[in-house]
N, C-alpha and C. Protein backbone atom coordinates (compact mmCIF):
# COMPACT_ATOMS: atom_id res chain seq x y z
N UNK A 1 95.15 67.83 80.12
CA UNK A 1 93.85 68.47 80.10
C UNK A 1 93.71 69.30 81.38
N UNK A 2 93.07 70.49 81.23
CA UNK A 2 92.79 71.37 82.32
C UNK A 2 91.28 71.21 82.56
N UNK A 3 90.84 70.58 83.60
CA UNK A 3 89.56 70.44 83.98
C UNK A 3 88.89 71.69 84.58
N UNK A 4 87.87 72.25 84.09
CA UNK A 4 87.04 73.41 84.74
C UNK A 4 85.77 72.84 85.29
N UNK A 5 85.47 72.86 86.48
CA UNK A 5 84.33 72.38 87.18
C UNK A 5 83.17 73.35 86.99
N UNK A 6 82.26 72.81 86.25
CA UNK A 6 80.88 73.45 85.90
C UNK A 6 79.91 73.27 86.94
N UNK A 7 79.67 74.05 87.92
CA UNK A 7 78.67 73.99 88.91
C UNK A 7 77.37 74.69 88.46
N UNK A 8 77.38 75.24 87.21
CA UNK A 8 76.18 75.89 86.64
C UNK A 8 75.87 77.36 87.22
N UNK A 9 76.95 78.00 87.87
CA UNK A 9 76.88 79.34 88.26
C UNK A 9 77.95 80.04 87.78
N UNK A 10 77.74 81.43 87.49
CA UNK A 10 78.85 82.20 87.07
C UNK A 10 79.28 82.16 85.66
N UNK A 11 80.18 82.99 85.19
CA UNK A 11 80.63 83.16 83.83
C UNK A 11 81.79 82.05 83.61
N UNK A 12 81.54 80.93 83.37
CA UNK A 12 82.63 79.93 83.17
C UNK A 12 83.28 80.00 81.94
N UNK A 13 82.58 80.40 80.79
CA UNK A 13 83.21 80.64 79.42
C UNK A 13 84.36 81.43 79.52
N UNK A 14 84.40 82.60 80.23
CA UNK A 14 85.53 83.49 80.26
C UNK A 14 86.91 82.75 80.74
N UNK A 15 86.68 81.84 81.70
CA UNK A 15 87.73 81.01 82.15
C UNK A 15 88.32 80.06 81.19
N UNK A 16 87.17 79.38 80.60
CA UNK A 16 87.66 78.55 79.38
C UNK A 16 88.44 79.19 78.26
N UNK A 17 87.94 80.37 77.95
CA UNK A 17 88.53 81.12 76.91
C UNK A 17 90.00 81.33 77.13
N UNK A 18 90.12 81.98 78.40
CA UNK A 18 91.43 82.38 78.91
C UNK A 18 92.54 81.25 78.80
N UNK A 19 92.12 80.05 79.28
CA UNK A 19 93.07 78.97 79.37
C UNK A 19 93.31 78.50 78.04
N UNK A 20 92.20 78.30 77.03
CA UNK A 20 92.46 78.00 75.70
C UNK A 20 93.42 78.96 74.99
N UNK A 21 93.11 80.29 75.17
CA UNK A 21 93.96 81.29 74.54
C UNK A 21 95.50 81.11 74.97
N UNK A 22 95.68 80.64 76.15
CA UNK A 22 97.03 80.43 76.63
C UNK A 22 97.77 79.28 76.02
N UNK A 23 97.06 78.42 75.19
CA UNK A 23 97.51 77.27 74.54
C UNK A 23 97.29 76.05 75.31
N UNK A 24 96.44 76.05 76.22
CA UNK A 24 96.11 74.66 76.98
C UNK A 24 94.83 74.07 76.61
N UNK A 25 94.59 72.97 76.98
CA UNK A 25 93.54 72.13 76.59
C UNK A 25 92.39 72.02 77.69
N UNK A 26 91.44 73.00 77.69
CA UNK A 26 90.46 72.99 78.78
C UNK A 26 89.21 72.13 78.54
N UNK A 27 88.58 71.65 79.61
CA UNK A 27 87.48 70.83 79.26
C UNK A 27 86.55 71.15 80.46
N UNK A 28 85.18 71.33 80.26
CA UNK A 28 84.21 71.43 81.39
C UNK A 28 83.88 70.07 81.90
N UNK A 29 83.79 70.05 83.21
CA UNK A 29 83.52 68.72 83.98
C UNK A 29 82.22 69.16 84.88
N UNK A 30 81.23 68.52 84.74
CA UNK A 30 79.97 68.74 85.51
C UNK A 30 79.86 67.79 86.72
N UNK A 31 79.00 68.21 87.56
CA UNK A 31 78.81 67.31 88.81
C UNK A 31 78.38 65.93 88.39
N UNK A 32 77.76 65.62 87.28
CA UNK A 32 77.46 64.26 86.84
C UNK A 32 78.53 63.49 86.29
N UNK A 33 79.52 64.28 85.76
CA UNK A 33 80.54 63.43 85.30
C UNK A 33 82.01 63.59 85.73
N UNK A 34 82.02 64.36 86.88
CA UNK A 34 83.38 64.42 87.46
C UNK A 34 84.16 63.10 87.68
N UNK A 35 83.38 62.16 88.03
CA UNK A 35 83.86 60.76 88.28
C UNK A 35 84.71 60.27 87.09
N UNK A 36 84.29 60.84 85.87
CA UNK A 36 85.10 60.46 84.73
C UNK A 36 86.62 60.81 84.81
N UNK A 37 86.94 61.80 85.74
CA UNK A 37 88.26 62.14 85.92
C UNK A 37 89.05 60.91 86.47
N UNK A 38 88.46 60.00 87.05
CA UNK A 38 89.19 58.97 87.77
C UNK A 38 89.04 57.65 87.04
N UNK A 39 88.53 57.67 85.80
CA UNK A 39 88.61 56.47 84.93
C UNK A 39 90.21 56.35 84.55
N UNK A 40 90.47 55.28 84.00
CA UNK A 40 91.99 55.04 83.85
C UNK A 40 92.39 56.07 82.60
N UNK A 41 91.64 56.21 81.60
CA UNK A 41 92.02 56.97 80.62
C UNK A 41 92.28 58.55 80.89
N UNK A 42 91.07 59.08 81.47
CA UNK A 42 91.05 60.49 81.78
C UNK A 42 91.93 60.76 82.98
N UNK A 43 92.11 59.91 83.90
CA UNK A 43 92.89 60.20 85.04
C UNK A 43 94.28 60.37 84.52
N UNK A 44 94.80 59.86 83.47
CA UNK A 44 96.22 59.94 82.85
C UNK A 44 96.27 61.28 82.10
N UNK A 45 95.19 61.75 81.68
CA UNK A 45 95.08 62.95 80.85
C UNK A 45 94.88 64.30 81.69
N UNK A 46 94.02 64.27 82.68
CA UNK A 46 93.73 65.45 83.56
C UNK A 46 94.82 65.80 84.54
N UNK A 47 95.47 66.95 84.31
CA UNK A 47 96.53 67.27 85.22
C UNK A 47 96.09 68.54 86.08
N UNK A 48 95.12 69.25 85.96
CA UNK A 48 94.74 70.42 86.83
C UNK A 48 93.29 70.49 86.85
N UNK A 49 92.76 71.07 87.98
CA UNK A 49 91.39 71.30 88.22
C UNK A 49 91.17 72.84 88.59
N UNK A 50 90.37 73.59 87.92
CA UNK A 50 89.93 74.90 88.31
C UNK A 50 88.42 74.91 88.67
N UNK A 51 88.16 75.58 89.90
CA UNK A 51 86.82 75.75 90.32
C UNK A 51 86.43 77.24 90.31
N UNK A 52 85.83 77.82 89.18
CA UNK A 52 85.31 79.05 89.18
C UNK A 52 84.01 79.24 89.80
N UNK A 53 83.55 80.44 89.66
CA UNK A 53 82.21 80.80 90.40
C UNK A 53 81.88 82.17 90.54
N UNK A 54 80.80 82.60 90.41
CA UNK A 54 80.19 83.88 90.93
C UNK A 54 78.80 83.79 91.47
N UNK A 55 78.62 84.41 92.52
CA UNK A 55 77.25 84.09 93.28
C UNK A 55 77.36 83.99 94.79
N UNK A 56 76.35 83.29 95.16
CA UNK A 56 76.28 83.07 96.71
C UNK A 56 76.75 81.78 97.08
N UNK A 57 77.57 81.77 98.25
CA UNK A 57 78.10 80.61 98.92
C UNK A 57 77.11 79.45 99.06
N UNK A 58 76.13 79.86 99.78
CA UNK A 58 75.11 78.66 100.26
C UNK A 58 74.51 78.13 98.97
N UNK A 59 74.06 78.66 97.94
CA UNK A 59 73.62 78.25 96.85
C UNK A 59 74.66 77.27 96.08
N UNK A 60 75.88 77.76 96.18
CA UNK A 60 76.84 77.03 95.35
C UNK A 60 77.13 75.69 96.04
N UNK A 61 77.13 75.72 97.50
CA UNK A 61 77.44 74.51 98.25
C UNK A 61 76.18 73.52 98.06
N UNK A 62 75.06 73.99 97.91
CA UNK A 62 73.92 73.15 97.67
C UNK A 62 74.10 72.48 96.32
N UNK A 63 74.54 73.23 95.16
CA UNK A 63 74.85 72.72 93.94
C UNK A 63 76.04 71.59 94.14
N UNK A 64 76.91 71.93 94.95
CA UNK A 64 78.07 70.83 95.27
C UNK A 64 77.48 69.62 95.72
N UNK A 65 76.65 69.76 96.73
CA UNK A 65 76.22 68.53 97.39
C UNK A 65 75.26 67.77 96.35
N UNK A 66 74.34 68.44 95.67
CA UNK A 66 73.55 67.72 94.71
C UNK A 66 74.29 66.87 93.70
N UNK A 67 75.42 67.42 93.41
CA UNK A 67 76.38 66.73 92.37
C UNK A 67 77.36 65.78 92.97
N UNK A 68 77.15 65.74 94.30
CA UNK A 68 78.20 64.76 94.97
C UNK A 68 79.56 65.05 94.61
N UNK A 69 79.87 66.39 94.69
CA UNK A 69 81.37 66.75 94.26
C UNK A 69 82.29 66.68 95.33
N UNK A 70 81.91 66.86 96.51
CA UNK A 70 82.95 67.04 97.54
C UNK A 70 83.98 65.98 97.65
N UNK A 71 83.54 64.71 97.61
CA UNK A 71 84.48 63.65 97.71
C UNK A 71 85.33 63.53 96.49
N UNK A 72 84.82 63.76 95.40
CA UNK A 72 85.61 63.77 94.05
C UNK A 72 86.65 64.84 94.01
N UNK A 73 86.24 65.91 94.45
CA UNK A 73 87.22 67.22 94.51
C UNK A 73 88.38 66.89 95.43
N UNK A 74 88.04 66.39 96.72
CA UNK A 74 89.06 65.93 97.56
C UNK A 74 89.91 64.85 97.00
N UNK A 75 89.35 63.88 96.38
CA UNK A 75 90.19 62.76 95.72
C UNK A 75 91.07 63.34 94.74
N UNK A 76 90.63 64.28 93.96
CA UNK A 76 91.56 64.88 92.97
C UNK A 76 92.66 65.61 93.86
N UNK A 77 92.39 66.49 94.75
CA UNK A 77 93.45 67.26 95.44
C UNK A 77 94.44 66.27 96.13
N UNK A 78 93.89 65.24 96.71
CA UNK A 78 94.68 64.33 97.46
C UNK A 78 95.61 63.52 96.58
N UNK A 79 95.37 63.53 95.21
CA UNK A 79 96.32 62.99 94.25
C UNK A 79 97.49 63.83 93.94
N UNK A 80 97.49 65.10 94.61
CA UNK A 80 98.63 65.94 94.51
C UNK A 80 98.63 66.84 93.14
N UNK A 81 97.67 66.61 92.49
CA UNK A 81 97.57 67.65 91.19
C UNK A 81 97.05 68.93 91.64
N UNK A 82 97.45 69.99 90.93
CA UNK A 82 97.04 71.35 91.41
C UNK A 82 95.51 71.65 91.20
N UNK A 83 94.98 72.32 92.12
CA UNK A 83 93.63 72.89 92.19
C UNK A 83 93.64 74.30 92.49
N UNK A 84 92.80 75.04 91.48
CA UNK A 84 92.71 76.59 91.64
C UNK A 84 91.14 76.87 91.90
N UNK A 85 90.88 77.71 92.89
CA UNK A 85 89.57 78.29 93.06
C UNK A 85 89.57 79.90 92.67
N UNK A 86 88.65 80.14 91.90
CA UNK A 86 88.54 81.54 91.40
C UNK A 86 87.28 82.24 91.98
N UNK A 87 87.41 83.29 92.75
CA UNK A 87 86.28 84.22 93.21
C UNK A 87 85.50 83.28 94.22
N UNK A 88 84.28 83.00 93.86
CA UNK A 88 83.35 82.21 94.65
C UNK A 88 84.13 80.65 94.79
N UNK A 89 84.71 80.38 93.79
CA UNK A 89 85.37 78.98 93.85
C UNK A 89 86.57 79.01 94.92
N UNK A 90 87.31 80.10 95.10
CA UNK A 90 88.24 80.27 96.27
C UNK A 90 87.51 80.22 97.57
N UNK A 91 86.39 80.84 97.67
CA UNK A 91 85.69 80.81 98.99
C UNK A 91 85.24 79.30 99.25
N UNK A 92 84.80 78.59 98.33
CA UNK A 92 84.33 77.28 98.54
C UNK A 92 85.40 76.23 98.98
N UNK A 93 86.75 76.80 98.87
CA UNK A 93 87.96 75.89 99.34
C UNK A 93 87.92 75.95 100.85
N UNK A 94 87.19 76.94 101.47
CA UNK A 94 87.33 77.14 102.97
C UNK A 94 86.51 76.03 103.75
N UNK A 95 86.75 75.93 104.97
CA UNK A 95 85.91 75.11 105.91
C UNK A 95 84.48 75.40 106.01
N UNK A 96 84.21 76.58 105.99
CA UNK A 96 82.87 76.99 106.42
C UNK A 96 82.66 78.44 105.76
N UNK A 97 81.40 78.83 105.63
CA UNK A 97 80.98 80.13 105.17
C UNK A 97 79.83 80.55 105.97
N UNK A 98 79.63 81.89 106.10
CA UNK A 98 78.66 82.61 106.66
C UNK A 98 77.52 83.07 105.77
N UNK A 99 77.89 83.20 104.40
CA UNK A 99 76.99 83.85 103.50
C UNK A 99 75.69 83.12 103.34
N UNK A 100 74.50 83.85 103.41
CA UNK A 100 73.15 83.25 103.32
C UNK A 100 72.72 82.62 104.44
N UNK A 101 73.32 82.80 105.65
CA UNK A 101 73.05 82.20 106.95
C UNK A 101 72.71 83.31 107.97
N UNK A 102 71.49 83.26 108.52
CA UNK A 102 71.19 84.26 109.58
C UNK A 102 71.90 83.83 110.97
N UNK A 103 72.07 82.50 111.03
CA UNK A 103 72.74 81.97 112.20
C UNK A 103 73.66 80.78 111.78
N UNK A 104 74.80 80.69 112.34
CA UNK A 104 75.65 79.46 111.95
C UNK A 104 76.35 79.72 110.68
N UNK A 105 76.65 78.59 110.01
CA UNK A 105 77.50 78.55 108.90
C UNK A 105 77.31 77.39 107.96
N UNK A 106 77.63 77.40 106.81
CA UNK A 106 77.50 76.34 105.87
C UNK A 106 78.89 75.78 105.63
N UNK A 107 78.85 74.45 105.57
CA UNK A 107 80.25 73.71 105.46
C UNK A 107 80.72 73.83 104.03
N UNK A 108 82.02 74.13 103.92
CA UNK A 108 82.69 74.27 102.49
C UNK A 108 83.35 72.89 102.38
N UNK A 109 84.29 73.04 101.24
CA UNK A 109 85.16 71.89 100.81
C UNK A 109 86.29 71.54 101.81
N UNK A 110 86.67 72.53 102.58
CA UNK A 110 87.65 72.33 103.59
C UNK A 110 89.06 72.04 103.17
N UNK A 111 89.33 72.46 101.95
CA UNK A 111 90.70 72.13 101.41
C UNK A 111 91.75 73.22 102.04
N UNK A 112 91.46 74.16 102.37
CA UNK A 112 92.19 75.30 103.07
C UNK A 112 91.37 75.72 104.36
N UNK A 113 91.66 75.34 105.50
CA UNK A 113 91.05 75.80 106.76
C UNK A 113 90.77 77.16 106.79
N UNK A 114 89.63 77.67 107.03
CA UNK A 114 89.31 79.10 107.16
C UNK A 114 87.71 79.34 107.10
N UNK A 115 87.33 80.57 107.26
CA UNK A 115 86.02 81.05 107.25
C UNK A 115 85.69 82.02 106.16
N UNK A 116 84.64 81.97 105.55
CA UNK A 116 84.17 83.08 104.61
C UNK A 116 83.22 83.87 105.26
N UNK A 117 83.56 85.25 105.43
CA UNK A 117 82.63 86.16 106.17
C UNK A 117 82.50 87.49 105.40
N UNK A 118 81.67 88.22 105.73
CA UNK A 118 81.24 89.51 104.99
C UNK A 118 82.37 90.61 105.30
N UNK A 119 82.56 91.26 104.16
CA UNK A 119 83.68 92.41 104.34
C UNK A 119 82.94 93.40 105.11
N UNK A 120 83.52 93.83 106.37
CA UNK A 120 83.00 94.79 107.31
C UNK A 120 83.32 96.14 106.86
N UNK A 121 82.65 96.85 106.03
CA UNK A 121 82.85 98.16 105.47
C UNK A 121 81.90 99.08 105.80
N UNK A 122 80.98 98.82 106.73
CA UNK A 122 79.85 99.73 107.01
C UNK A 122 80.36 101.05 107.44
N UNK A 123 81.46 101.09 108.36
CA UNK A 123 81.88 102.31 108.93
C UNK A 123 82.60 103.21 107.83
N UNK A 124 83.03 102.67 106.83
CA UNK A 124 83.63 103.35 105.69
C UNK A 124 82.65 103.76 104.62
N UNK A 125 81.35 103.35 104.84
CA UNK A 125 80.37 103.62 103.88
C UNK A 125 80.66 103.21 102.45
N UNK A 126 81.38 102.11 102.38
CA UNK A 126 81.67 101.65 100.99
C UNK A 126 80.58 100.70 100.56
N UNK A 127 80.31 100.64 99.18
CA UNK A 127 79.16 99.75 98.81
C UNK A 127 79.74 98.39 98.52
N UNK A 128 78.79 97.49 98.75
CA UNK A 128 79.02 96.07 98.44
C UNK A 128 77.98 95.53 97.42
N UNK A 129 78.49 94.84 96.41
CA UNK A 129 79.83 94.17 96.36
C UNK A 129 80.88 95.09 95.97
N UNK A 130 81.95 94.70 96.41
CA UNK A 130 83.40 95.32 95.96
C UNK A 130 83.55 95.05 94.58
N UNK A 131 83.46 95.91 93.63
CA UNK A 131 83.41 95.73 92.20
C UNK A 131 84.61 96.61 91.63
N UNK A 132 85.58 96.09 90.92
CA UNK A 132 86.46 96.84 90.22
C UNK A 132 87.96 96.48 90.47
N UNK A 133 88.90 97.31 90.10
CA UNK A 133 90.24 97.06 90.17
C UNK A 133 90.91 97.38 91.49
N UNK A 134 91.79 96.43 91.92
CA UNK A 134 92.37 96.67 93.28
C UNK A 134 93.67 95.90 93.22
N UNK A 135 94.54 96.46 94.12
CA UNK A 135 95.97 95.87 94.14
C UNK A 135 96.02 94.51 94.76
N UNK A 136 96.97 93.73 94.29
CA UNK A 136 97.25 92.52 94.90
C UNK A 136 98.67 92.49 95.50
N UNK A 137 98.66 92.30 96.85
CA UNK A 137 100.00 92.65 97.58
C UNK A 137 100.49 91.31 97.98
N UNK A 138 101.71 90.82 97.57
CA UNK A 138 102.26 89.54 97.87
C UNK A 138 102.72 89.56 99.41
N UNK A 139 102.41 88.64 100.14
CA UNK A 139 102.89 88.43 101.51
C UNK A 139 103.85 87.45 101.57
N UNK A 140 103.86 86.50 100.72
CA UNK A 140 104.93 85.35 100.68
C UNK A 140 105.10 84.87 99.24
N UNK A 141 106.16 84.18 98.87
CA UNK A 141 106.23 83.66 97.53
C UNK A 141 105.24 82.51 97.29
N UNK A 142 104.71 82.20 96.04
CA UNK A 142 104.01 81.14 95.53
C UNK A 142 104.14 81.06 94.14
N UNK A 143 104.20 79.69 93.58
CA UNK A 143 104.31 79.55 92.10
C UNK A 143 103.39 80.25 91.36
N UNK A 144 102.17 80.58 91.83
CA UNK A 144 101.20 81.28 90.97
C UNK A 144 101.62 82.79 90.66
N UNK A 145 102.43 83.24 91.58
CA UNK A 145 102.83 84.65 91.41
C UNK A 145 104.40 84.83 90.77
N UNK A 146 104.83 83.64 90.26
CA UNK A 146 106.19 83.72 89.62
C UNK A 146 106.14 84.77 88.41
N UNK A 147 107.08 85.73 88.49
CA UNK A 147 107.04 86.74 87.26
C UNK A 147 106.09 87.73 87.40
N UNK A 148 105.37 87.88 88.49
CA UNK A 148 104.31 88.95 88.74
C UNK A 148 104.71 89.84 89.84
N UNK A 149 104.69 91.06 89.54
CA UNK A 149 105.12 92.07 90.63
C UNK A 149 104.14 92.16 91.66
N UNK A 150 104.46 92.47 92.90
CA UNK A 150 103.48 92.66 94.00
C UNK A 150 102.99 94.07 93.69
N UNK A 151 101.70 94.30 94.14
CA UNK A 151 101.15 95.60 93.88
C UNK A 151 100.31 95.73 92.70
N UNK A 152 100.38 94.80 91.76
CA UNK A 152 99.68 94.86 90.44
C UNK A 152 98.12 94.79 90.70
N UNK A 153 97.34 95.39 89.77
CA UNK A 153 95.94 95.53 90.01
C UNK A 153 95.19 94.29 89.27
N UNK A 154 94.17 93.90 90.02
CA UNK A 154 93.40 92.77 89.48
C UNK A 154 91.92 93.14 89.62
N UNK A 155 91.09 92.30 88.83
CA UNK A 155 89.61 92.63 88.99
C UNK A 155 88.82 91.77 89.85
N UNK A 156 88.05 92.53 90.84
CA UNK A 156 87.36 91.96 91.97
C UNK A 156 85.79 92.16 91.74
N UNK A 157 85.08 91.17 92.16
CA UNK A 157 83.72 91.19 92.35
C UNK A 157 83.32 90.36 93.60
N UNK A 158 83.09 90.92 94.67
CA UNK A 158 82.75 90.02 95.84
C UNK A 158 82.29 90.98 96.86
N UNK A 159 81.48 90.36 97.83
CA UNK A 159 81.04 91.04 99.21
C UNK A 159 81.64 90.29 100.41
N UNK A 160 82.10 89.17 100.17
CA UNK A 160 82.68 88.18 101.36
C UNK A 160 84.24 87.85 101.11
N UNK A 161 84.85 87.59 102.07
CA UNK A 161 86.33 87.31 102.04
C UNK A 161 86.63 86.09 102.81
N UNK A 162 87.86 85.47 102.46
CA UNK A 162 88.31 84.38 103.07
C UNK A 162 89.20 84.79 104.32
N UNK A 163 88.86 84.25 105.52
CA UNK A 163 89.82 84.43 106.66
C UNK A 163 90.39 83.05 106.96
N UNK A 164 91.77 83.09 106.71
CA UNK A 164 92.50 81.90 106.98
C UNK A 164 92.59 81.38 108.41
N UNK A 165 92.54 80.08 108.78
CA UNK A 165 92.71 79.72 110.12
C UNK A 165 94.28 79.85 110.48
N UNK A 166 95.16 79.53 109.44
CA UNK A 166 96.48 79.47 109.57
C UNK A 166 97.18 80.68 108.74
N UNK A 167 97.98 81.48 109.39
CA UNK A 167 98.62 82.65 108.69
C UNK A 167 99.46 82.26 107.56
N UNK A 168 99.86 81.03 107.60
CA UNK A 168 100.90 80.53 106.43
C UNK A 168 100.20 80.18 105.21
N UNK A 169 98.82 80.06 105.30
CA UNK A 169 98.00 79.91 104.04
C UNK A 169 97.70 81.12 103.35
N UNK A 170 98.10 82.27 103.95
CA UNK A 170 97.72 83.71 103.29
C UNK A 170 98.88 83.79 102.35
N UNK A 171 98.53 84.18 101.18
CA UNK A 171 99.52 84.44 100.06
C UNK A 171 99.70 85.87 99.74
N UNK A 172 98.57 86.50 99.60
CA UNK A 172 98.40 87.98 99.08
C UNK A 172 97.32 88.63 99.61
N UNK A 173 97.27 89.80 99.81
CA UNK A 173 96.22 90.61 100.47
C UNK A 173 95.94 91.79 99.51
N UNK A 174 94.60 92.40 99.78
CA UNK A 174 94.16 93.65 99.08
C UNK A 174 93.55 94.36 100.22
N UNK A 175 92.94 95.65 99.88
CA UNK A 175 92.35 96.47 100.72
C UNK A 175 91.04 97.24 100.14
N UNK A 176 89.93 97.08 100.92
CA UNK A 176 88.77 97.76 100.57
C UNK A 176 88.19 98.32 101.79
N UNK A 177 88.68 99.35 102.21
CA UNK A 177 88.36 99.97 103.56
C UNK A 177 89.01 99.16 104.78
N UNK A 178 89.11 97.87 104.56
CA UNK A 178 89.76 96.91 105.49
C UNK A 178 90.52 95.95 104.71
N UNK A 179 91.75 95.52 105.19
CA UNK A 179 92.54 94.54 104.38
C UNK A 179 91.76 93.19 104.39
N UNK A 180 91.92 92.54 103.29
CA UNK A 180 91.47 91.13 103.16
C UNK A 180 92.33 90.25 102.36
N UNK A 181 92.20 88.94 102.58
CA UNK A 181 93.09 87.86 101.92
C UNK A 181 92.53 87.88 100.30
N UNK A 182 93.44 87.89 99.35
CA UNK A 182 92.97 87.78 98.05
C UNK A 182 93.66 86.66 97.29
N UNK A 183 94.63 86.03 97.92
CA UNK A 183 95.18 84.72 97.37
C UNK A 183 95.42 83.79 98.59
N UNK A 184 94.99 82.53 98.55
CA UNK A 184 95.44 81.65 99.68
C UNK A 184 95.98 80.36 99.01
N UNK A 185 96.79 79.82 99.74
CA UNK A 185 97.53 78.53 99.15
C UNK A 185 97.95 77.63 100.32
N UNK A 186 97.61 76.32 100.03
CA UNK A 186 98.15 75.24 100.93
C UNK A 186 98.55 74.07 100.05
N UNK A 187 99.76 73.67 100.13
CA UNK A 187 100.12 72.66 99.31
C UNK A 187 99.73 72.70 97.82
N UNK A 188 99.05 71.77 97.22
CA UNK A 188 98.85 71.92 95.72
C UNK A 188 97.61 72.60 95.52
N UNK A 189 96.90 73.24 96.54
CA UNK A 189 95.58 74.05 96.18
C UNK A 189 95.87 75.53 96.50
N UNK A 190 95.33 76.28 95.62
CA UNK A 190 95.50 77.73 95.65
C UNK A 190 93.93 78.40 95.20
N UNK A 191 93.84 79.64 95.80
CA UNK A 191 92.64 80.30 95.40
C UNK A 191 92.96 81.77 95.27
N UNK A 192 92.26 82.39 94.34
CA UNK A 192 92.28 83.78 93.86
C UNK A 192 90.88 84.44 94.15
N UNK A 193 90.70 85.51 95.04
CA UNK A 193 89.47 86.21 95.20
C UNK A 193 89.10 86.99 93.98
N UNK A 194 90.02 87.43 93.32
CA UNK A 194 89.88 88.26 92.03
C UNK A 194 89.70 87.30 90.74
N UNK A 195 89.43 87.77 89.71
CA UNK A 195 89.19 87.19 88.43
C UNK A 195 90.55 87.26 87.57
N UNK A 196 91.45 86.23 87.61
CA UNK A 196 92.60 86.39 86.79
C UNK A 196 92.24 86.42 85.24
N UNK A 197 91.05 85.73 84.94
CA UNK A 197 90.87 85.59 83.46
C UNK A 197 90.33 86.94 83.08
N UNK A 198 90.02 88.04 83.88
CA UNK A 198 89.47 89.30 83.57
C UNK A 198 90.61 90.43 83.82
N UNK A 199 91.74 89.99 84.34
CA UNK A 199 92.76 90.91 84.91
C UNK A 199 93.93 91.09 83.76
N UNK A 200 93.59 91.09 82.54
CA UNK A 200 94.53 91.32 81.63
C UNK A 200 95.87 90.55 81.68
N UNK A 201 97.03 91.14 81.39
CA UNK A 201 98.23 90.40 81.29
C UNK A 201 98.63 89.80 82.54
N UNK A 202 98.60 90.51 83.70
CA UNK A 202 98.99 89.97 84.93
C UNK A 202 98.14 88.65 85.19
N UNK A 203 96.88 88.88 84.96
CA UNK A 203 95.92 87.74 85.43
C UNK A 203 96.19 86.56 84.59
N UNK A 204 96.39 86.71 83.24
CA UNK A 204 96.75 85.64 82.42
C UNK A 204 98.01 84.95 82.83
N UNK A 205 98.92 85.80 83.24
CA UNK A 205 100.32 85.27 83.64
C UNK A 205 100.02 84.37 84.84
N UNK A 206 99.17 84.76 85.87
CA UNK A 206 98.91 83.76 86.86
C UNK A 206 98.14 82.45 86.40
N UNK A 207 97.31 82.59 85.49
CA UNK A 207 96.72 81.32 85.01
C UNK A 207 97.70 80.41 84.35
N UNK A 208 98.57 81.12 83.45
CA UNK A 208 99.59 80.38 82.87
C UNK A 208 100.48 79.71 83.92
N UNK A 209 100.91 80.39 84.95
CA UNK A 209 101.64 79.79 86.04
C UNK A 209 100.93 78.62 86.69
N UNK A 210 99.59 78.76 86.85
CA UNK A 210 98.96 77.60 87.33
C UNK A 210 98.92 76.40 86.47
N UNK A 211 98.70 76.71 85.32
CA UNK A 211 98.65 75.57 84.32
C UNK A 211 99.97 74.97 84.14
N UNK A 212 101.09 75.58 84.39
CA UNK A 212 102.36 74.98 84.29
C UNK A 212 102.83 74.39 85.60
N UNK A 213 102.20 74.60 86.72
CA UNK A 213 102.43 74.14 88.02
C UNK A 213 102.35 72.73 88.22
N UNK A 214 103.32 72.12 89.00
CA UNK A 214 103.28 70.76 89.22
C UNK A 214 102.61 70.37 90.65
N UNK A 215 102.09 71.41 91.26
CA UNK A 215 101.65 71.42 92.71
C UNK A 215 102.65 71.42 93.78
N UNK A 216 103.95 71.51 93.47
CA UNK A 216 104.93 71.64 94.56
C UNK A 216 105.22 73.06 94.88
N UNK A 217 105.34 73.32 96.08
CA UNK A 217 105.81 74.71 96.61
C UNK A 217 107.17 74.74 97.15
């Protein structure tokens, strides 16, 4: 089973449909029942966790707290099973985020050390959010990119980006007036700033790679 974490924000159905179309068995898991992943029956069945999302970081983290998800998500990741964050879901993997805060930052899940900060495109006079197709340029190999050429276009909708604390966690970059990280990866955890479920054949290939991945790099 591919568990899709339902935090109540964003278009989750498109992720579900993409995973289902690829021939896998997706199931929504909410904040109230994520602990079901760890009962004996479901623990044996659930192999992967996807954290999708569209919206504001601060609101999402409040949803996460109210659902008491942080410990459960860490517990799943610590088991060695693959975790994928998509768009806002990728940003939630970070240690901290500046979105929605006039001062300071909001704590993230901390699965990949880094900070989520606003794209600095004022000098280029580019609009935010960054919406549309843009290139994904591989910086190092990763199982999610197996069989996917560097430089392919994927679909983005975001105003903030993930700045990794460690360069080795950066997998791929894109550019919107300034370069930014669009895939991060550490161990069995990976994140995509773009929407693979909306990125046609190449995006579906990445989702397929994730669903087939055993979490080893």
